[in-house]
């Protein structure tokens, strides 16, 4: 019988940082709401933060790219744009750590 291993602290920290970045992004959009397509952005943020997206980081990445594209097509507040980039950087750090075998 195999035992399920608990994730390493590095993995938990990386995902926690990523979750925090998503929450900061959501808070930024809510703080500036309403602006053009803010409702669409909020919908996709909730999708990106969903359990399904956490279990499939490639799906999360696609959702974040969609959010970035919506924001780039509109006059999105700079705070929101900066928060999108913060999520992007955190997601890239998770992918890098997985690629280096540090987490996974």
Protein backbone atom coordinates (compact mmCIF):
# COMPACT_ATOMS: atom_id res chain seq x y z
CA UNK A 1 0.00 0.00 0.00
CA UNK A 2 1.42 3.37 -1.02
CA UNK A 3 1.11 6.36 1.22
CA UNK A 4 0.15 9.76 -0.11
CA UNK A 5 2.97 12.22 0.43
CA UNK A 6 2.31 15.69 1.71
CA UNK A 7 3.58 18.48 -0.52
CA UNK A 8 6.92 20.00 0.41
CA UNK A 9 6.96 23.35 2.18
CA UNK A 10 8.47 24.94 -0.95
CA UNK A 11 5.52 23.74 -3.03
CA UNK A 12 3.03 24.98 -0.45
CA UNK A 13 4.81 28.35 -0.28
CA UNK A 14 4.87 28.78 -4.06
CA UNK A 15 1.17 27.97 -4.37
CA UNK A 16 0.35 30.18 -1.39
CA UNK A 17 2.20 33.09 -3.01
CA UNK A 18 0.34 32.45 -6.26
CA UNK A 19 -3.00 32.36 -4.45
CA UNK A 20 -2.13 35.61 -2.69
CA UNK A 21 -1.29 37.24 -6.02
CA UNK A 22 -4.68 36.21 -7.44
CA UNK A 23 -6.40 37.67 -4.37
CA UNK A 24 -4.51 40.96 -4.76
CA UNK A 25 -5.58 41.09 -8.41
CA UNK A 26 -9.20 40.46 -7.52
CA UNK A 27 -9.11 43.14 -4.82
CA UNK A 28 -7.61 45.64 -7.30
CA UNK A 29 -10.36 45.00 -9.84
CA UNK A 30 -13.07 45.30 -7.18
CA UNK A 31 -11.53 48.55 -5.88
CA UNK A 32 -11.64 50.13 -9.36
CA UNK A 33 -14.97 48.60 -10.45
CA UNK A 34 -16.74 49.60 -12.60
CA UNK A 35 -14.45 50.12 -15.56
CA UNK A 36 -14.76 48.76 -19.08
CA UNK A 37 -14.97 44.95 -18.98
CA UNK A 38 -14.27 44.78 -15.23
CA UNK A 39 -17.12 42.30 -14.88
CA UNK A 40 -15.57 40.03 -17.51
CA UNK A 41 -12.20 40.30 -15.82
CA UNK A 42 -13.74 39.40 -12.44
CA UNK A 43 -15.46 36.38 -13.97
CA UNK A 44 -12.18 35.09 -15.39
CA UNK A 45 -10.29 35.85 -12.17
CA UNK A 46 -12.76 33.65 -10.29
CA UNK A 47 -12.22 30.98 -12.94
CA UNK A 48 -8.44 31.30 -12.59
CA UNK A 49 -8.69 30.92 -8.82
CA UNK A 50 -10.98 27.89 -9.04
CA UNK A 51 -10.01 24.49 -7.73
CA UNK A 52 -9.93 23.14 -11.28
CA UNK A 53 -7.35 25.77 -12.28
CA UNK A 54 -5.19 25.05 -9.24
CA UNK A 55 -5.16 21.39 -10.26
CA UNK A 56 -4.29 22.31 -13.89
CA UNK A 57 -1.73 25.11 -13.97
CA UNK A 58 -1.70 25.19 -17.79
CA UNK A 59 -5.42 26.01 -17.66
CA UNK A 60 -4.65 28.71 -15.10
CA UNK A 61 -2.01 30.13 -17.43
CA UNK A 62 -4.49 30.28 -20.33
CA UNK A 63 -7.03 32.01 -18.12
CA UNK A 64 -4.45 34.59 -17.03
CA UNK A 65 -3.48 35.25 -20.66
CA UNK A 66 -7.16 35.86 -21.44
CA UNK A 67 -7.41 38.29 -18.51
CA UNK A 68 -4.26 40.08 -19.72
CA UNK A 69 -5.68 40.36 -23.25
CA UNK A 70 -8.99 41.80 -22.01
CA UNK A 71 -7.11 44.33 -19.87
CA UNK A 72 -4.82 45.32 -22.77
CA UNK A 73 -7.81 46.00 -25.04
CA UNK A 74 -9.31 48.48 -22.58
CA UNK A 75 -8.30 51.41 -20.46
CA UNK A 76 -7.66 49.25 -17.45
CA UNK A 77 -6.39 51.00 -14.30
CA UNK A 78 -2.62 50.68 -13.88
CA UNK A 79 -3.05 49.07 -10.46
CA UNK A 80 -4.98 46.22 -12.11
CA UNK A 81 -2.40 45.86 -14.90
CA UNK A 82 0.39 45.71 -12.30
CA UNK A 83 -1.53 43.07 -10.35
CA UNK A 84 -1.96 40.95 -13.48
CA UNK A 85 1.80 41.05 -13.99
CA UNK A 86 2.31 40.10 -10.34
CA UNK A 87 0.17 36.98 -10.84
CA UNK A 88 2.08 36.22 -14.05
CA UNK A 89 5.44 36.41 -12.26
CA UNK A 90 4.22 34.17 -9.44
CA UNK A 91 2.86 31.64 -11.91
CA UNK A 92 6.16 31.64 -13.81
CA UNK A 93 8.02 30.99 -10.54
CA UNK A 94 5.83 27.95 -9.91
CA UNK A 95 6.51 26.63 -13.44
CA UNK A 96 10.26 27.25 -13.02
CA UNK A 97 10.33 25.41 -9.72
CA UNK A 98 8.45 22.49 -11.26
CA UNK A 99 10.89 22.49 -14.20
CA UNK A 100 13.88 22.37 -11.88
CA UNK A 101 12.35 19.52 -9.92
CA UNK A 102 12.12 21.68 -6.78
CA UNK A 103 8.39 21.07 -6.55
CA UNK A 104 5.95 18.78 -8.18
